[in-house]
Amino acid sequence: MNHSSNMPTAKKDNLNRFRAKVFKALSDPIRLEIIEFLREGEKCVCEIIPHIDVIQPLVSRHLRILKDCGLVKDRKDGVRRLYSITDSNIFETVDSLTPATVANLSRLLVEQITIEA
């Protein structure tokens, strides 16, 4: 059921802009890896860096993007900064793109390219 069909146009536009911001944040493999790592629970940046094998400034940049769209939150614990997922429902969104879905989309894309060629 499409819950946004009864929404006024301005609200629908705002919702779509926000959805686009979230999907843009999720469109990076490093950010997806961070999201997956945080699935296990709250993590310090010092744990995230070696897990994804990316330098600290880049990890901080990706965390800022995830935080700016509301996907993650942080808190100070002494000198450490701990990050966690704000709403575990985001995992349903991530998990909905299954390997079978990816395979089907890839197959359809190849068929489309073949037909256009």
PDB file of N, CA and C in Angstrom:
ATOM      1  N   MET A   1       0.844  -1.184   0.000  1.00  0.00           N
ATOM      2  CA  MET A   1       0.000   0.000   0.000  1.00  0.00           C
ATOM      3  C   MET A   1       0.882   1.237   0.000  1.00  0.00           C
ATOM      4  N   ASN A   2       0.562   2.203  -0.823  1.00  0.00           N
ATOM      5  CA  ASN A   2       1.344   3.430  -0.942  1.00  0.00           C
ATOM      6  C   ASN A   2       0.791   4.468   0.015  1.00  0.00           C
ATOM      7  N   HIS A   3       1.494   4.697   1.112  1.00  0.00           N
ATOM      8  CA  HIS A   3       1.037   5.635   2.134  1.00  0.00           C
ATOM      9  C   HIS A   3       1.195   7.087   1.707  1.00  0.00           C
ATOM     10  N   SER A   4       2.041   7.362   0.719  1.00  0.00           N
ATOM     11  CA  SER A   4       2.274   8.750   0.331  1.00  0.00           C
ATOM     12  C   SER A   4       1.268   9.241  -0.712  1.00  0.00           C
ATOM     13  N   SER A   5       0.407   8.357  -1.241  1.00  0.00           N
ATOM     14  CA  SER A   5      -0.525   8.772  -2.287  1.00  0.00           C
ATOM     15  C   SER A   5      -1.584   9.750  -1.779  1.00  0.00           C
ATOM     16  N   ASN A   6      -1.903   9.717  -0.488  1.00  0.00           N
ATOM     17  CA  ASN A   6      -2.901  10.622   0.073  1.00  0.00           C
ATOM     18  C   ASN A   6      -2.295  11.896   0.641  1.00  0.00           C
ATOM     19  N   MET A   7      -1.007  12.040   0.523  1.00  0.00           N
ATOM     20  CA  MET A   7      -0.296  13.174   1.091  1.00  0.00           C
ATOM     21  C   MET A   7      -0.405  14.397   0.189  1.00  0.00           C
ATOM     22  N   PRO A   8      -0.467  15.586   0.775  1.00  0.00           N
ATOM     23  CA  PRO A   8      -0.402  16.799  -0.051  1.00  0.00           C
ATOM     24  C   PRO A   8       0.925  16.836  -0.806  1.00  0.00           C
ATOM     25  N   THR A   9       0.920  17.474  -1.953  1.00  0.00           N
ATOM     26  CA  THR A   9       2.094  17.491  -2.825  1.00  0.00           C
ATOM     27  C   THR A   9       3.349  18.011  -2.124  1.00  0.00           C
ATOM     28  N   ALA A  10       3.250  19.081  -1.358  1.00  0.00           N
ATOM     29  CA  ALA A  10       4.426  19.641  -0.682  1.00  0.00           C
ATOM     30  C   ALA A  10       5.022  18.640   0.298  1.00  0.00           C
ATOM     31  N   LYS A  11       4.177  17.956   1.046  1.00  0.00           N
ATOM     32  CA  LYS A  11       4.675  16.950   1.995  1.00  0.00           C
ATOM     33  C   LYS A  11       5.315  15.783   1.249  1.00  0.00           C
ATOM     34  N   LYS A  12       4.694  15.383   0.139  1.00  0.00           N
ATOM     35  CA  LYS A  12       5.236  14.285  -0.658  1.00  0.00           C
ATOM     36  C   LYS A  12       6.602  14.672  -1.225  1.00  0.00           C
ATOM     37  N   ASP A  13       6.728  15.916  -1.696  1.00  0.00           N
ATOM     38  CA  ASP A  13       8.013  16.391  -2.213  1.00  0.00           C
ATOM     39  C   ASP A  13       9.079  16.364  -1.124  1.00  0.00           C
ATOM     40  N   ASN A  14       8.739  16.809   0.091  1.00  0.00           N
ATOM     41  CA  ASN A  14       9.691  16.790   1.198  1.00  0.00           C
ATOM     42  C   ASN A  14      10.083  15.362   1.558  1.00  0.00           C
ATOM     43  N   LEU A  15       9.103  14.464   1.578  1.00  0.00           N
ATOM     44  CA  LEU A  15       9.376  13.069   1.878  1.00  0.00           C
ATOM     45  C   LEU A  15      10.317  12.476   0.833  1.00  0.00           C
ATOM     46  N   ASN A  16      10.051  12.757  -0.433  1.00  0.00           N
ATOM     47  CA  ASN A  16      10.912  12.226  -1.495  1.00  0.00           C
ATOM     48  C   ASN A  16      12.313  12.807  -1.429  1.00  0.00           C
ATOM     49  N   ARG A  17      12.437  14.081  -1.081  1.00  0.00           N
ATOM     50  CA  ARG A  17      13.773  14.675  -0.918  1.00  0.00           C
ATOM     51  C   ARG A  17      14.529  13.989   0.215  1.00  0.00           C
ATOM     52  N   PHE A  18      13.818  13.745   1.330  1.00  0.00           N
ATOM     53  CA  PHE A  18      14.469  13.079   2.453  1.00  0.00           C
ATOM     54  C   PHE A  18      14.845  11.644   2.090  1.00  0.00           C
ATOM     55  N   ARG A  19      13.951  10.942   1.410  1.00  0.00           N
ATOM     56  CA  ARG A  19      14.260   9.578   0.962  1.00  0.00           C
ATOM     57  C   ARG A  19      15.502   9.579   0.078  1.00  0.00           C
ATOM     58  N   ALA A  20      15.569  10.537  -0.840  1.00  0.00           N
ATOM     59  CA  ALA A  20      16.725  10.632  -1.731  1.00  0.00           C
ATOM     60  C   ALA A  20      18.005  10.870  -0.934  1.00  0.00           C
ATOM     61  N   LYS A  21      17.931  11.691   0.105  1.00  0.00           N
ATOM     62  CA  LYS A  21      19.106  11.965   0.945  1.00  0.00           C
ATOM     63  C   LYS A  21      19.559  10.683   1.651  1.00  0.00           C
ATOM     64  N   VAL A  22      18.611   9.913   2.157  1.00  0.00           N
ATOM     65  CA  VAL A  22      18.948   8.656   2.832  1.00  0.00           C
ATOM     66  C   VAL A  22      19.551   7.671   1.837  1.00  0.00           C
ATOM     67  N   PHE A  23      18.913   7.519   0.672  1.00  0.00           N
ATOM     68  CA  PHE A  23      19.442   6.588  -0.324  1.00  0.00           C
ATOM     69  C   PHE A  23      20.803   7.029  -0.840  1.00  0.00           C
ATOM     70  N   LYS A  24      21.018   8.322  -0.949  1.00  0.00           N
ATOM     71  CA  LYS A  24      22.337   8.819  -1.359  1.00  0.00           C
ATOM     72  C   LYS A  24      23.375   8.440  -0.303  1.00  0.00           C
ATOM     73  N   ALA A  25      23.014   8.583   0.977  1.00  0.00           N
ATOM     74  CA  ALA A  25      23.935   8.201   2.055  1.00  0.00           C
ATOM     75  C   ALA A  25      24.232   6.707   2.001  1.00  0.00           C
ATOM     76  N   LEU A  26      23.241   5.910   1.636  1.00  0.00           N
ATOM     77  CA  LEU A  26      23.415   4.466   1.568  1.00  0.00           C
ATOM     78  C   LEU A  26      24.078   4.006   0.266  1.00  0.00           C
ATOM     79  N   SER A  27      24.312   4.921  -0.655  1.00  0.00           N
ATOM     80  CA  SER A  27      24.814   4.538  -1.975  1.00  0.00           C
ATOM     81  C   SER A  27      26.319   4.294  -2.018  1.00  0.00           C
ATOM     82  N   ASP A  28      26.995   4.467  -0.911  1.00  0.00           N
ATOM     83  CA  ASP A  28      28.441   4.288  -0.881  1.00  0.00           C
ATOM     84  C   ASP A  28      28.788   2.970  -0.180  1.00  0.00           C
ATOM     85  N   PRO A  29      29.645   2.148  -0.778  1.00  0.00           N
ATOM     86  CA  PRO A  29      29.995   0.856  -0.162  1.00  0.00           C
ATOM     87  C   PRO A  29      30.618   0.993   1.230  1.00  0.00           C
ATOM     88  N   ILE A  30      31.413   2.024   1.451  1.00  0.00           N
ATOM     89  CA  ILE A  30      32.020   2.212   2.773  1.00  0.00           C
ATOM     90  C   ILE A  30      30.947   2.516   3.809  1.00  0.00           C
ATOM     91  N   ARG A  31      29.984   3.377   3.457  1.00  0.00           N
ATOM     92  CA  ARG A  31      28.916   3.694   4.400  1.00  0.00           C
ATOM     93  C   ARG A  31      28.038   2.476   4.672  1.00  0.00           C
ATOM     94  N   LEU A  32      27.792   1.676   3.649  1.00  0.00           N
ATOM     95  CA  LEU A  32      27.037   0.436   3.862  1.00  0.00           C
ATOM     96  C   LEU A  32      27.800  -0.502   4.798  1.00  0.00           C
ATOM     97  N   GLU A  33      29.106  -0.569   4.654  1.00  0.00           N
ATOM     98  CA  GLU A  33      29.913  -1.410   5.543  1.00  0.00           C
ATOM     99  C   GLU A  33      29.851  -0.896   6.978  1.00  0.00           C
ATOM    100  N   ILE A  34      29.868   0.414   7.143  1.00  0.00           N
ATOM    101  CA  ILE A  34      29.734   0.996   8.483  1.00  0.00           C
ATOM    102  C   ILE A  34      28.379   0.629   9.075  1.00  0.00           C
ATOM    103  N   ILE A  35      27.324   0.769   8.287  1.00  0.00           N
ATOM    104  CA  ILE A  35      25.974   0.416   8.743  1.00  0.00           C
ATOM    105  C   ILE A  35      25.943  -1.051   9.175  1.00  0.00           C
ATOM    106  N   GLU A  36      26.515  -1.926   8.357  1.00  0.00           N
ATOM    107  CA  GLU A  36      26.545  -3.356   8.685  1.00  0.00           C
ATOM    108  C   GLU A  36      27.320  -3.606   9.974  1.00  0.00           C
ATOM    109  N   PHE A  37      28.439  -2.929  10.157  1.00  0.00           N
ATOM    110  CA  PHE A  37      29.247  -3.107  11.363  1.00  0.00           C
ATOM    111  C   PHE A  37      28.481  -2.627  12.597  1.00  0.00           C
ATOM    112  N   LEU A  38      27.731  -1.549  12.449  1.00  0.00           N
ATOM    113  CA  LEU A  38      26.957  -1.016  13.566  1.00  0.00           C
ATOM    114  C   LEU A  38      25.721  -1.876  13.877  1.00  0.00           C
ATOM    115  N   ARG A  39      25.404  -2.793  12.994  1.00  0.00           N
ATOM    116  CA  ARG A  39      24.296  -3.728  13.243  1.00  0.00           C
ATOM    117  C   ARG A  39      24.571  -4.512  14.528  1.00  0.00           C
ATOM    118  N   GLU A  40      25.848  -4.759  14.792  1.00  0.00           N
ATOM    119  CA  GLU A  40      26.253  -5.510  15.988  1.00  0.00           C
ATOM    120  C   GLU A  40      26.124  -4.684  17.262  1.00  0.00           C
ATOM    121  N   GLY A  41      25.898  -3.379  17.133  1.00  0.00           N
ATOM    122  CA  GLY A  41      25.766  -2.516  18.297  1.00  0.00           C
ATOM    123  C   GLY A  41      26.712  -1.323  18.208  1.00  0.00           C
ATOM    124  N   GLU A  42      26.684  -0.542  19.253  1.00  0.00           N
ATOM    125  CA  GLU A  42      27.463   0.692  19.335  1.00  0.00           C
ATOM    126  C   GLU A  42      28.958   0.394  19.183  1.00  0.00           C
ATOM    127  N   LYS A  43      29.633   1.236  18.390  1.00  0.00           N
ATOM    128  CA  LYS A  43      31.061   1.053  18.136  1.00  0.00           C
ATOM    129  C   LYS A  43      31.793   2.393  18.241  1.00  0.00           C
ATOM    130  N   CYS A  44      33.000   2.297  18.732  1.00  0.00           N
ATOM    131  CA  CYS A  44      33.902   3.449  18.767  1.00  0.00           C
ATOM    132  C   CYS A  44      34.529   3.623  17.384  1.00  0.00           C
ATOM    133  N   VAL A  45      34.860   4.849  17.051  1.00  0.00           N
ATOM    134  CA  VAL A  45      35.555   5.098  15.784  1.00  0.00           C
ATOM    135  C   VAL A  45      36.819   4.250  15.725  1.00  0.00           C
ATOM    136  N   CYS A  46      37.462   4.075  16.875  1.00  0.00           N
ATOM    137  CA  CYS A  46      38.701   3.281  16.920  1.00  0.00           C
ATOM    138  C   CYS A  46      38.453   1.819  16.534  1.00  0.00           C
ATOM    139  N   GLU A  47      37.205   1.342  16.611  1.00  0.00           N
ATOM    140  CA  GLU A  47      36.857  -0.009  16.176  1.00  0.00           C
ATOM    141  C   GLU A  47      36.448  -0.024  14.707  1.00  0.00           C
ATOM    142  N   ILE A  48      35.830   1.067  14.256  1.00  0.00           N
ATOM    143  CA  ILE A  48      35.339   1.148  12.878  1.00  0.00           C
ATOM    144  C   ILE A  48      36.513   1.231  11.902  1.00  0.00           C
ATOM    145  N   ILE A  49      37.520   2.032  12.246  1.00  0.00           N
ATOM    146  CA  ILE A  49      38.661   2.261  11.339  1.00  0.00           C
ATOM    147  C   ILE A  49      39.328   0.950  10.910  1.00  0.00           C
ATOM    148  N   PRO A  50      39.767   0.096  11.848  1.00  0.00           N
ATOM    149  CA  PRO A  50      40.416  -1.145  11.389  1.00  0.00           C
ATOM    150  C   PRO A  50      39.449  -2.124  10.726  1.00  0.00           C
ATOM    151  N   HIS A  51      38.185  -2.066  11.115  1.00  0.00           N
ATOM    152  CA  HIS A  51      37.217  -2.991  10.519  1.00  0.00           C
ATOM    153  C   HIS A  51      37.033  -2.714   9.031  1.00  0.00           C
ATOM    154  N   ILE A  52      36.928  -1.454   8.658  1.00  0.00           N
ATOM    155  CA  ILE A  52      36.720  -1.152   7.238  1.00  0.00           C
ATOM    156  C   ILE A  52      38.018  -0.794   6.522  1.00  0.00           C
ATOM    157  N   ASP A  53      39.110  -0.703   7.284  1.00  0.00           N
ATOM    158  CA  ASP A  53      40.451  -0.477   6.727  1.00  0.00           C
ATOM    159  C   ASP A  53      40.521   0.804   5.885  1.00  0.00           C
ATOM    160  N   VAL A  54      40.038   1.889   6.499  1.00  0.00           N
ATOM    161  CA  VAL A  54      40.061   3.200   5.865  1.00  0.00           C
ATOM    162  C   VAL A  54      40.620   4.187   6.891  1.00  0.00           C
ATOM    163  N   ILE A  55      41.327   5.195   6.433  1.00  0.00           N
ATOM    164  CA  ILE A  55      41.943   6.153   7.350  1.00  0.00           C
ATOM    165  C   ILE A  55      40.887   6.947   8.127  1.00  0.00           C
ATOM    166  N   GLN A  56      41.283   7.410   9.312  1.00  0.00           N
ATOM    167  CA  GLN A  56      40.366   8.071  10.236  1.00  0.00           C
ATOM    168  C   GLN A  56      39.622   9.264   9.626  1.00  0.00           C
ATOM    169  N   PRO A  57      40.294  10.171   8.900  1.00  0.00           N
ATOM    170  CA  PRO A  57      39.529  11.306   8.344  1.00  0.00           C
ATOM    171  C   PRO A  57      38.419  10.867   7.383  1.00  0.00           C
ATOM    172  N   LEU A  58      38.668   9.822   6.635  1.00  0.00           N
ATOM    173  CA  LEU A  58      37.653   9.334   5.696  1.00  0.00           C
ATOM    174  C   LEU A  58      36.501   8.660   6.444  1.00  0.00           C
ATOM    175  N   VAL A  59      36.819   7.904   7.477  1.00  0.00           N
ATOM    176  CA  VAL A  59      35.771   7.293   8.301  1.00  0.00           C
ATOM    177  C   VAL A  59      34.904   8.384   8.924  1.00  0.00           C
ATOM    178  N   SER A  60      35.549   9.416   9.459  1.00  0.00           N
ATOM    179  CA  SER A  60      34.803  10.519  10.071  1.00  0.00           C
ATOM    180  C   SER A  60      33.896  11.207   9.060  1.00  0.00           C
ATOM    181  N   ARG A  61      34.375  11.373   7.845  1.00  0.00           N
ATOM    182  CA  ARG A  61      33.559  11.990   6.793  1.00  0.00           C
ATOM    183  C   ARG A  61      32.322  11.148   6.503  1.00  0.00           C
ATOM    184  N   HIS A  62      32.511   9.835   6.378  1.00  0.00           N
ATOM    185  CA  HIS A  62      31.379   8.944   6.098  1.00  0.00           C
ATOM    186  C   HIS A  62      30.402   8.922   7.272  1.00  0.00           C
ATOM    187  N   LEU A  63      30.925   8.920   8.490  1.00  0.00           N
ATOM    188  CA  LEU A  63      30.048   8.947   9.658  1.00  0.00           C
ATOM    189  C   LEU A  63      29.252  10.248   9.710  1.00  0.00           C
ATOM    190  N   ARG A  64      29.863  11.347   9.329  1.00  0.00           N
ATOM    191  CA  ARG A  64      29.170  12.641   9.304  1.00  0.00           C
ATOM    192  C   ARG A  64      28.005  12.590   8.311  1.00  0.00           C
ATOM    193  N   ILE A  65      28.217  12.010   7.152  1.00  0.00           N
ATOM    194  CA  ILE A  65      27.157  11.892   6.146  1.00  0.00           C
ATOM    195  C   ILE A  65      26.004  11.044   6.694  1.00  0.00           C
ATOM    196  N   LEU A  66      26.342   9.931   7.324  1.00  0.00           N
ATOM    197  CA  LEU A  66      25.309   9.063   7.909  1.00  0.00           C
ATOM    198  C   LEU A  66      24.577   9.768   9.046  1.00  0.00           C
ATOM    199  N   LYS A  67      25.303  10.550   9.811  1.00  0.00           N
ATOM    200  CA  LYS A  67      24.692  11.281  10.924  1.00  0.00           C
ATOM    201  C   LYS A  67      23.802  12.415  10.408  1.00  0.00           C
ATOM    202  N   ASP A  68      24.241  13.103   9.361  1.00  0.00           N
ATOM    203  CA  ASP A  68      23.489  14.242   8.820  1.00  0.00           C
ATOM    204  C   ASP A  68      22.127  13.850   8.260  1.00  0.00           C
ATOM    205  N   CYS A  69      21.968  12.601   7.882  1.00  0.00           N
ATOM    206  CA  CYS A  69      20.648  12.175   7.394  1.00  0.00           C
ATOM    207  C   CYS A  69      19.914  11.351   8.438  1.00  0.00           C
ATOM    208  N   GLY A  70      20.453  11.302   9.643  1.00  0.00           N
ATOM    209  CA  GLY A  70      19.739  10.681  10.747  1.00  0.00           C
ATOM    210  C   GLY A  70      19.881   9.180  10.876  1.00  0.00           C
ATOM    211  N   LEU A  71      20.774   8.566  10.109  1.00  0.00           N
ATOM    212  CA  LEU A  71      20.928   7.116  10.178  1.00  0.00           C
ATOM    213  C   LEU A  71      21.735   6.662  11.390  1.00  0.00           C
ATOM    214  N   VAL A  72      22.706   7.480  11.807  1.00  0.00           N
ATOM    215  CA  VAL A  72      23.500   7.137  12.986  1.00  0.00           C
ATOM    216  C   VAL A  72      23.518   8.313  13.955  1.00  0.00           C
ATOM    217  N   LYS A  73      23.804   7.985  15.199  1.00  0.00           N
ATOM    218  CA  LYS A  73      23.968   8.994  16.232  1.00  0.00           C
ATOM    219  C   LYS A  73      25.280   8.708  16.939  1.00  0.00           C
ATOM    220  N   ASP A  74      25.770   9.694  17.675  1.00  0.00           N
ATOM    221  CA  ASP A  74      27.005   9.491  18.415  1.00  0.00           C
ATOM    222  C   ASP A  74      26.861  10.033  19.823  1.00  0.00           C
ATOM    223  N   ARG A  75      27.739   9.556  20.667  1.00  0.00           N
ATOM    224  CA  ARG A  75      27.814  10.077  22.028  1.00  0.00           C
ATOM    225  C   ARG A  75      29.260  10.005  22.481  1.00  0.00           C
ATOM    226  N   LYS A  76      29.615  10.919  23.372  1.00  0.00           N
ATOM    227  CA  LYS A  76      30.966  10.934  23.931  1.00  0.00           C
ATOM    228  C   LYS A  76      31.011   9.996  25.132  1.00  0.00           C
ATOM    229  N   ASP A  77      32.100   9.267  25.227  1.00  0.00           N
ATOM    230  CA  ASP A  77      32.374   8.410  26.380  1.00  0.00           C
ATOM    231  C   ASP A  77      33.833   8.663  26.754  1.00  0.00           C
ATOM    232  N   GLY A  78      34.047   9.660  27.601  1.00  0.00           N
ATOM    233  CA  GLY A  78      35.416  10.087  27.904  1.00  0.00           C
ATOM    234  C   GLY A  78      36.019  10.724  26.671  1.00  0.00           C
ATOM    235  N   VAL A  79      37.134  10.172  26.207  1.00  0.00           N
ATOM    236  CA  VAL A  79      37.773  10.707  24.997  1.00  0.00           C
ATOM    237  C   VAL A  79      37.280   9.996  23.741  1.00  0.00           C
ATOM    238  N   ARG A  80      36.501   8.946  23.925  1.00  0.00           N
ATOM    239  CA  ARG A  80      36.003   8.182  22.770  1.00  0.00           C
ATOM    240  C   ARG A  80      34.659   8.718  22.295  1.00  0.00           C
ATOM    241  N   ARG A  81      34.416   8.556  21.006  1.00  0.00           N
ATOM    242  CA  ARG A  81      33.114   8.875  20.423  1.00  0.00           C
ATOM    243  C   ARG A  81      32.525   7.569  19.917  1.00  0.00           C
ATOM    244  N   LEU A  82      31.329   7.257  20.416  1.00  0.00           N
ATOM    245  CA  LEU A  82      30.671   6.000  20.073  1.00  0.00           C
ATOM    246  C   LEU A  82      29.503   6.261  19.123  1.00  0.00           C
ATOM    247  N   TYR A  83      29.408   5.421  18.102  1.00  0.00           N
ATOM    248  CA  TYR A  83      28.360   5.564  17.079  1.00  0.00           C
ATOM    249  C   TYR A  83      27.422   4.373  17.135  1.00  0.00           C
ATOM    250  N   SER A  84      26.148   4.649  16.846  1.00  0.00           N
ATOM    251  CA  SER A  84      25.148   3.588  16.787  1.00  0.00           C
ATOM    252  C   SER A  84      24.066   3.971  15.783  1.00  0.00           C
ATOM    253  N   ILE A  85      23.288   2.980  15.399  1.00  0.00           N
ATOM    254  CA  ILE A  85      22.170   3.176  14.472  1.00  0.00           C
ATOM    255  C   ILE A  85      21.025   3.837  15.235  1.00  0.00           C
ATOM    256  N   THR A  86      20.369   4.807  14.608  1.00  0.00           N
ATOM    257  CA  THR A  86      19.262   5.496  15.270  1.00  0.00           C
ATOM    258  C   THR A  86      17.971   4.690  15.233  1.00  0.00           C
ATOM    259  N   ASP A  87      17.758   3.937  14.157  1.00  0.00           N
ATOM    260  CA  ASP A  87      16.515   3.176  13.992  1.00  0.00           C
ATOM    261  C   ASP A  87      16.845   1.877  13.264  1.00  0.00           C
ATOM    262  N   SER A  88      16.677   0.765  13.933  1.00  0.00           N
ATOM    263  CA  SER A  88      17.045  -0.526  13.343  1.00  0.00           C
ATOM    264  C   SER A  88      16.206  -0.889  12.115  1.00  0.00           C
ATOM    265  N   ASN A  89      15.135  -0.161  11.853  1.00  0.00           N
ATOM    266  CA  ASN A  89      14.346  -0.416  10.641  1.00  0.00           C
ATOM    267  C   ASN A  89      15.157  -0.182   9.371  1.00  0.00           C
ATOM    268  N   ILE A  90      16.246   0.567   9.465  1.00  0.00           N
ATOM    269  CA  ILE A  90      17.075   0.810   8.276  1.00  0.00           C
ATOM    270  C   ILE A  90      17.641  -0.508   7.743  1.00  0.00           C
ATOM    271  N   PHE A  91      17.812  -1.496   8.628  1.00  0.00           N
ATOM    272  CA  PHE A  91      18.334  -2.782   8.176  1.00  0.00           C
ATOM    273  C   PHE A  91      17.359  -3.491   7.241  1.00  0.00           C
ATOM    274  N   GLU A  92      16.059  -3.263   7.419  1.00  0.00           N
ATOM    275  CA  GLU A  92      15.067  -3.828   6.498  1.00  0.00           C
ATOM    276  C   GLU A  92      15.276  -3.264   5.094  1.00  0.00           C
ATOM    277  N   THR A  93      15.563  -1.987   5.024  1.00  0.00           N
ATOM    278  CA  THR A  93      15.815  -1.345   3.726  1.00  0.00           C
ATOM    279  C   THR A  93      17.060  -1.932   3.085  1.00  0.00           C
ATOM    280  N   VAL A  94      18.131  -2.020   3.856  1.00  0.00           N
ATOM    281  CA  VAL A  94      19.389  -2.565   3.338  1.00  0.00           C
ATOM    282  C   VAL A  94      19.207  -4.022   2.932  1.00  0.00           C
ATOM    283  N   ASP A  95      18.553  -4.799   3.797  1.00  0.00           N
ATOM    284  CA  ASP A  95      18.386  -6.230   3.532  1.00  0.00           C
ATOM    285  C   ASP A  95      17.429  -6.526   2.390  1.00  0.00           C
ATOM    286  N   SER A  96      16.575  -5.567   2.028  1.00  0.00           N
ATOM    287  CA  SER A  96      15.592  -5.814   0.974  1.00  0.00           C
ATOM    288  C   SER A  96      16.244  -5.971  -0.403  1.00  0.00           C
ATOM    289  N   LEU A  97      17.448  -5.479  -0.555  1.00  0.00           N
ATOM    290  CA  LEU A  97      18.169  -5.663  -1.812  1.00  0.00           C
ATOM    291  C   LEU A  97      18.968  -6.960  -1.702  1.00  0.00           C
ATOM    292  N   THR A  98      18.263  -8.057  -1.900  1.00  0.00           N
ATOM    293  CA  THR A  98      18.824  -9.394  -1.721  1.00  0.00           C
ATOM    294  C   THR A  98      19.710  -9.773  -2.913  1.00  0.00           C
ATOM    295  N   PRO A  99      20.537 -10.801  -2.756  1.00  0.00           N
ATOM    296  CA  PRO A  99      21.315 -11.285  -3.900  1.00  0.00           C
ATOM    297  C   PRO A  99      20.426 -11.669  -5.089  1.00  0.00           C
ATOM    298  N   ALA A 100      19.253 -12.230  -4.817  1.00  0.00           N
ATOM    299  CA  ALA A 100      18.336 -12.601  -5.906  1.00  0.00           C
ATOM    300  C   ALA A 100      17.844 -11.348  -6.640  1.00  0.00           C
ATOM    301  N   THR A 101      17.537 -10.296  -5.894  1.00  0.00           N
ATOM    302  CA  THR A 101      17.094  -9.045  -6.513  1.00  0.00           C
ATOM    303  C   THR A 101      18.210  -8.460  -7.367  1.00  0.00           C
ATOM    304  N   VAL A 102      19.415  -8.457  -6.827  1.00  0.00           N
ATOM    305  CA  VAL A 102      20.570  -7.937  -7.574  1.00  0.00           C
ATOM    306  C   VAL A 102      20.775  -8.742  -8.857  1.00  0.00           C
ATOM    307  N   ALA A 103      20.680 -10.067  -8.765  1.00  0.00           N
ATOM    308  CA  ALA A 103      20.844 -10.921  -9.953  1.00  0.00           C
ATOM    309  C   ALA A 103      19.770 -10.625 -10.989  1.00  0.00           C
ATOM    310  N   ASN A 104      18.526 -10.463 -10.551  1.00  0.00           N
ATOM    311  CA  ASN A 104      17.438 -10.152 -11.487  1.00  0.00           C
ATOM    312  C   ASN A 104      17.649  -8.801 -12.152  1.00  0.00           C
ATOM    313  N   LEU A 105      18.024  -7.800 -11.366  1.00  0.00           N
ATOM    314  CA  LEU A 105      18.254  -6.473 -11.934  1.00  0.00           C
ATOM    315  C   LEU A 105      19.420  -6.506 -12.917  1.00  0.00           C
ATOM    316  N   SER A 106      20.475  -7.233 -12.568  1.00  0.00           N
ATOM    317  CA  SER A 106      21.623  -7.352 -13.468  1.00  0.00           C
ATOM    318  C   SER A 106      21.231  -8.023 -14.772  1.00  0.00           C
ATOM    319  N   ARG A 107      20.453  -9.091 -14.671  1.00  0.00           N
ATOM    320  CA  ARG A 107      19.999  -9.810 -15.872  1.00  0.00           C
ATOM    321  C   ARG A 107      19.155  -8.894 -16.757  1.00  0.00           C
ATOM    322  N   LEU A 108      18.227  -8.157 -16.145  1.00  0.00           N
ATOM    323  CA  LEU A 108      17.371  -7.248 -16.913  1.00  0.00           C
ATOM    324  C   LEU A 108      18.184  -6.132 -17.554  1.00  0.00           C
ATOM    325  N   LEU A 109      19.187  -5.652 -16.858  1.00  0.00           N
ATOM    326  CA  LEU A 109      20.046  -4.618 -17.404  1.00  0.00           C
ATOM    327  C   LEU A 109      20.823  -5.119 -18.617  1.00  0.00           C
ATOM    328  N   VAL A 110      21.357  -6.327 -18.505  1.00  0.00           N
ATOM    329  CA  VAL A 110      22.092  -6.927 -19.637  1.00  0.00           C
ATOM    330  C   VAL A 110      21.146  -7.126 -20.823  1.00  0.00           C
ATOM    331  N   GLU A 111      19.932  -7.599 -20.564  1.00  0.00           N
ATOM    332  CA  GLU A 111      18.954  -7.771 -21.642  1.00  0.00           C
ATOM    333  C   GLU A 111      18.635  -6.430 -22.301  1.00  0.00           C
ATOM    334  N   GLN A 112      18.484  -5.394 -21.504  1.00  0.00           N
ATOM    335  CA  GLN A 112      18.170  -4.073 -22.046  1.00  0.00           C
ATOM    336  C   GLN A 112      19.310  -3.558 -22.905  1.00  0.00           C
ATOM    337  N   ILE A 113      20.535  -3.732 -22.445  1.00  0.00           N
ATOM    338  CA  ILE A 113      21.711  -3.289 -23.211  1.00  0.00           C
ATOM    339  C   ILE A 113      21.806  -4.059 -24.519  1.00  0.00           C
ATOM    340  N   THR A 114      21.534  -5.372 -24.466  1.00  0.00           N
ATOM    341  CA  THR A 114      21.600  -6.214 -25.654  1.00  0.00           C
ATOM    342  C   THR A 114      20.556  -5.784 -26.682  1.00  0.00           C
ATOM    343  N   ILE A 115      19.364  -5.467 -26.222  1.00  0.00           N
ATOM    344  CA  ILE A 115      18.289  -5.045 -27.123  1.00  0.00           C
ATOM    345  C   ILE A 115      18.621  -3.697 -27.757  1.00  0.00           C
ATOM    346  N   GLU A 116      19.191  -2.784 -26.988  1.00  0.00           N
ATOM    347  CA  GLU A 116      19.523  -1.453 -27.504  1.00  0.00           C
ATOM    348  C   GLU A 116      20.720  -1.473 -28.437  1.00  0.00           C
ATOM    349  N   ALA A 117      21.549  -2.489 -28.356  1.00  0.00           N
ATOM    350  CA  ALA A 117      22.776  -2.535 -29.157  1.00  0.00           C
ATOM    351  C   ALA A 117      22.553  -2.936 -30.560  1.00  0.00           C
TER     352      ALA A 117
END
